[in-house]
């Protein structure tokens, strides 16, 4: 079993590579910010560096890179 420190951000290198969670209210981390999957619109919602709401698509989340655990 791998620890949180060993887990690297997921990147979209292949279409079938580790995909984003699909359960509504799932949480992932990207660029130091938490994002929650909205159920009805299938978009990831979080906050930007200034605390403003920020929504991105699943494709954008894949491009940015993401992880299930907050990294230091």
N, C-alpha and C. Protein backbone atom coordinates (compact mmCIF):
# COMPACT_ATOMS: atom_id res chain seq x y z
N UNK A 1 0.84 -1.17 0.00
CA UNK A 1 0.00 0.00 0.00
C UNK A 1 0.89 1.24 0.00
N UNK A 2 0.54 2.23 -0.77
CA UNK A 2 1.31 3.46 -0.88
C UNK A 2 0.79 4.50 0.10
N UNK A 3 1.68 5.28 0.65
CA UNK A 3 1.27 6.35 1.55
C UNK A 3 0.92 7.59 0.75
N UNK A 4 0.32 8.57 1.41
CA UNK A 4 -0.07 9.81 0.74
C UNK A 4 1.15 10.53 0.18
N UNK A 5 2.31 10.41 0.81
CA UNK A 5 3.51 11.09 0.35
C UNK A 5 4.05 10.48 -0.94
N UNK A 6 3.70 9.23 -1.21
CA UNK A 6 4.19 8.55 -2.41
C UNK A 6 3.30 8.77 -3.61
N UNK A 7 2.09 9.25 -3.40
CA UNK A 7 1.13 9.42 -4.48
C UNK A 7 1.44 10.69 -5.24
N UNK A 8 1.56 10.58 -6.54
CA UNK A 8 1.83 11.72 -7.40
C UNK A 8 0.53 12.19 -8.05
N UNK A 9 0.44 13.45 -8.44
CA UNK A 9 -0.76 13.93 -9.12
C UNK A 9 -1.02 13.14 -10.40
N UNK A 10 -2.27 12.90 -10.65
CA UNK A 10 -2.67 12.19 -11.86
C UNK A 10 -2.59 13.13 -13.05
N UNK A 11 -2.13 12.62 -14.16
CA UNK A 11 -2.10 13.42 -15.37
C UNK A 11 -2.72 12.61 -16.50
N UNK A 12 -3.36 13.28 -17.40
CA UNK A 12 -4.03 12.62 -18.52
C UNK A 12 -3.00 12.26 -19.58
N UNK A 13 -2.38 11.12 -19.41
CA UNK A 13 -1.40 10.68 -20.41
C UNK A 13 -2.04 9.71 -21.39
N UNK A 14 -3.10 9.06 -20.96
CA UNK A 14 -3.82 8.14 -21.83
C UNK A 14 -5.29 8.24 -21.47
N UNK A 15 -6.17 8.03 -22.44
CA UNK A 15 -7.59 8.17 -22.17
C UNK A 15 -8.09 7.26 -21.06
N UNK A 16 -7.48 6.06 -20.91
CA UNK A 16 -7.95 5.12 -19.91
C UNK A 16 -7.16 5.18 -18.61
N UNK A 17 -6.27 6.17 -18.47
CA UNK A 17 -5.50 6.28 -17.23
C UNK A 17 -6.43 6.67 -16.09
N UNK A 18 -5.96 6.56 -14.88
CA UNK A 18 -6.75 6.84 -13.68
C UNK A 18 -7.65 8.04 -13.89
N UNK A 19 -8.94 7.82 -13.98
CA UNK A 19 -9.86 8.91 -14.24
C UNK A 19 -10.30 9.60 -12.96
N UNK A 20 -10.86 10.76 -13.14
CA UNK A 20 -11.39 11.52 -12.02
C UNK A 20 -12.55 10.77 -11.38
N UNK A 21 -12.77 10.95 -10.09
CA UNK A 21 -13.95 10.36 -9.45
C UNK A 21 -15.22 10.88 -10.10
N UNK A 22 -16.26 10.08 -10.09
CA UNK A 22 -17.52 10.48 -10.73
C UNK A 22 -18.66 10.61 -9.74
N UNK A 23 -18.43 10.29 -8.48
CA UNK A 23 -19.47 10.40 -7.46
C UNK A 23 -19.66 11.86 -7.07
N UNK A 24 -20.90 12.36 -7.10
CA UNK A 24 -21.12 13.75 -6.68
C UNK A 24 -20.56 13.99 -5.28
N UNK A 25 -20.04 15.17 -5.05
CA UNK A 25 -19.43 15.59 -3.79
C UNK A 25 -18.05 14.98 -3.56
N UNK A 26 -17.47 14.34 -4.57
CA UNK A 26 -16.09 13.85 -4.46
C UNK A 26 -15.16 15.04 -4.37
N UNK A 27 -14.05 14.87 -3.64
CA UNK A 27 -13.08 15.95 -3.46
C UNK A 27 -11.74 15.53 -4.03
N UNK A 28 -11.13 16.42 -4.82
CA UNK A 28 -9.76 16.22 -5.30
C UNK A 28 -8.99 17.50 -5.06
N UNK A 29 -7.66 17.41 -5.11
CA UNK A 29 -6.78 18.56 -4.91
C UNK A 29 -6.05 18.85 -6.19
N UNK A 30 -5.95 20.12 -6.54
CA UNK A 30 -5.21 20.55 -7.72
C UNK A 30 -4.57 21.90 -7.43
N UNK A 31 -3.26 21.97 -7.64
CA UNK A 31 -2.51 23.22 -7.42
C UNK A 31 -2.76 23.82 -6.04
N UNK A 32 -2.85 22.97 -5.02
CA UNK A 32 -2.99 23.44 -3.65
C UNK A 32 -4.40 23.80 -3.23
N UNK A 33 -5.39 23.56 -4.08
CA UNK A 33 -6.77 23.91 -3.77
C UNK A 33 -7.66 22.67 -3.87
N UNK A 34 -8.65 22.60 -2.98
CA UNK A 34 -9.63 21.51 -3.02
C UNK A 34 -10.74 21.86 -4.02
N UNK A 35 -11.19 20.85 -4.74
CA UNK A 35 -12.30 21.00 -5.69
C UNK A 35 -13.31 19.90 -5.41
N UNK A 36 -14.59 20.26 -5.46
CA UNK A 36 -15.69 19.33 -5.21
C UNK A 36 -16.48 19.15 -6.50
N UNK A 37 -16.84 17.92 -6.80
CA UNK A 37 -17.62 17.64 -8.01
C UNK A 37 -19.09 17.96 -7.75
N UNK A 38 -19.63 18.88 -8.54
CA UNK A 38 -21.06 19.20 -8.47
C UNK A 38 -21.81 18.13 -9.23
N UNK A 39 -22.87 17.61 -8.63
CA UNK A 39 -23.59 16.49 -9.22
C UNK A 39 -24.35 16.80 -10.49
N UNK A 40 -25.08 17.89 -10.54
CA UNK A 40 -25.96 18.14 -11.67
C UNK A 40 -25.23 18.65 -12.91
N UNK A 41 -24.21 19.45 -12.72
CA UNK A 41 -23.53 20.07 -13.86
C UNK A 41 -22.23 19.37 -14.24
N UNK A 42 -21.80 18.39 -13.44
CA UNK A 42 -20.56 17.65 -13.70
C UNK A 42 -19.39 18.60 -13.92
N UNK A 43 -19.21 19.51 -12.97
CA UNK A 43 -18.06 20.42 -13.02
C UNK A 43 -17.41 20.42 -11.64
N UNK A 44 -16.15 20.78 -11.61
CA UNK A 44 -15.39 20.83 -10.37
C UNK A 44 -15.37 22.26 -9.86
N UNK A 45 -15.78 22.46 -8.60
CA UNK A 45 -15.89 23.79 -8.03
C UNK A 45 -14.96 23.92 -6.83
N UNK A 46 -14.21 25.01 -6.81
CA UNK A 46 -13.30 25.29 -5.70
C UNK A 46 -13.15 26.79 -5.55
N UNK A 47 -12.04 27.22 -5.00
CA UNK A 47 -11.75 28.65 -4.82
C UNK A 47 -10.40 28.96 -5.43
N UNK A 48 -10.26 30.17 -5.98
CA UNK A 48 -8.97 30.58 -6.54
C UNK A 48 -8.08 31.12 -5.43
N UNK A 49 -6.92 31.64 -5.78
CA UNK A 49 -5.96 32.13 -4.79
C UNK A 49 -6.49 33.31 -3.98
N UNK A 50 -7.51 33.99 -4.48
CA UNK A 50 -8.09 35.14 -3.77
C UNK A 50 -9.38 34.78 -3.05
N UNK A 51 -9.74 33.50 -3.04
CA UNK A 51 -10.94 33.07 -2.33
C UNK A 51 -12.22 33.17 -3.12
N UNK A 52 -12.11 33.50 -4.41
CA UNK A 52 -13.30 33.61 -5.25
C UNK A 52 -13.69 32.23 -5.78
N UNK A 53 -14.99 31.97 -5.97
CA UNK A 53 -15.43 30.69 -6.54
C UNK A 53 -14.81 30.48 -7.91
N UNK A 54 -14.43 29.23 -8.18
CA UNK A 54 -13.79 28.89 -9.44
C UNK A 54 -14.30 27.52 -9.88
N UNK A 55 -14.86 27.43 -11.07
CA UNK A 55 -15.38 26.17 -11.59
C UNK A 55 -14.62 25.78 -12.85
N UNK A 56 -14.28 24.49 -12.96
CA UNK A 56 -13.59 23.99 -14.15
C UNK A 56 -14.20 22.66 -14.57
N UNK A 57 -13.99 22.32 -15.83
CA UNK A 57 -14.53 21.07 -16.37
C UNK A 57 -13.61 19.90 -15.98
N UNK A 58 -14.10 18.70 -16.18
CA UNK A 58 -13.29 17.51 -15.93
C UNK A 58 -12.06 17.46 -16.82
N UNK A 59 -12.21 17.89 -18.08
CA UNK A 59 -11.08 17.90 -19.00
C UNK A 59 -10.00 18.87 -18.54
N UNK A 60 -10.41 20.03 -18.05
CA UNK A 60 -9.45 21.01 -17.54
C UNK A 60 -8.75 20.47 -16.29
N UNK A 61 -9.51 19.79 -15.43
CA UNK A 61 -8.91 19.20 -14.22
C UNK A 61 -7.85 18.16 -14.61
N UNK A 62 -8.12 17.37 -15.62
CA UNK A 62 -7.15 16.39 -16.09
C UNK A 62 -5.89 17.08 -16.60
N UNK A 63 -6.03 18.18 -17.33
CA UNK A 63 -4.87 18.91 -17.85
C UNK A 63 -4.04 19.53 -16.73
N UNK A 64 -4.72 20.03 -15.70
CA UNK A 64 -4.03 20.68 -14.58
C UNK A 64 -3.28 19.70 -13.71
N UNK A 65 -3.77 18.47 -13.65
CA UNK A 65 -3.22 17.47 -12.73
C UNK A 65 -3.98 17.53 -11.42
N UNK A 66 -4.15 16.38 -10.77
CA UNK A 66 -4.93 16.33 -9.55
C UNK A 66 -4.48 15.15 -8.70
N UNK A 67 -4.88 15.15 -7.45
CA UNK A 67 -4.61 14.05 -6.53
C UNK A 67 -5.75 13.94 -5.54
N UNK A 68 -5.90 12.76 -4.93
CA UNK A 68 -6.94 12.58 -3.94
C UNK A 68 -6.53 13.09 -2.57
N UNK A 69 -5.24 13.38 -2.40
CA UNK A 69 -4.72 13.82 -1.12
C UNK A 69 -4.02 15.15 -1.25
N UNK A 70 -4.16 15.98 -0.23
CA UNK A 70 -3.46 17.28 -0.23
C UNK A 70 -1.96 17.01 -0.06
N UNK A 71 -1.17 17.60 -0.94
CA UNK A 71 0.28 17.45 -0.83
C UNK A 71 0.87 18.67 -0.15
N UNK A 72 1.99 18.45 0.49
CA UNK A 72 2.62 19.56 1.24
C UNK A 72 3.21 20.59 0.33
